[in-house]
């Protein structure tokens, strides 16, 4: 079974400085996935990372600072698909997002972080500038190429199109619990293409 790079592996002894740093960041994400941001304790993160609490506090003065750094760590650059059509490209991006939401731990992590964003500007900045930005950048590249191809009108409101693509999946993941499936992917893509058709 392939190891998840975002899940901290059991530590053998006390890790060295650079290893400890990475282990603590992984542990922070793991603990938040399991118990949520509010319940995540520095003691638990240190124990998961296999380090002492003092090691954690030498690097980060607070849980907020640690989690903000940990969120940056899980930022992933996404390849911009090129299927030959804007419809195909958007479906490819949306299917990738759908697979992310199918991981129950992802939904737990996101719901916890969304709640924390309302109370912490640092967490909000990290989430918006981290993996959310990476996914939106990929979608934006596809939309802008669609405009260049003539599949979308020249005055397409790119930010609105991005919200229309992302919103239904987030709504279902965090609010309604309705299925995030191929039917939703196709429906959202078709609706956006119809809304901004030339």
Foldseek 3Di string as FASTA:
>chain_A
DDDDLLAQDADDADDDLVLLLSLLLSLLLVQCLPPFLVPDDLCSSCVSSNHHSVSVCVVPVDSLRSPLVSLQVPFDADDQDCPPALLVRLLVLLVVVLVQLVPSSSLSNVLRLVVVVVVDVSSVCSNCPGNVVNSLVSNLVSVVVCCVVLLFPVPDPSVVLSCLQPVVVNCCSHPVVDHSDSVVSNVSSVVSSVVGGD
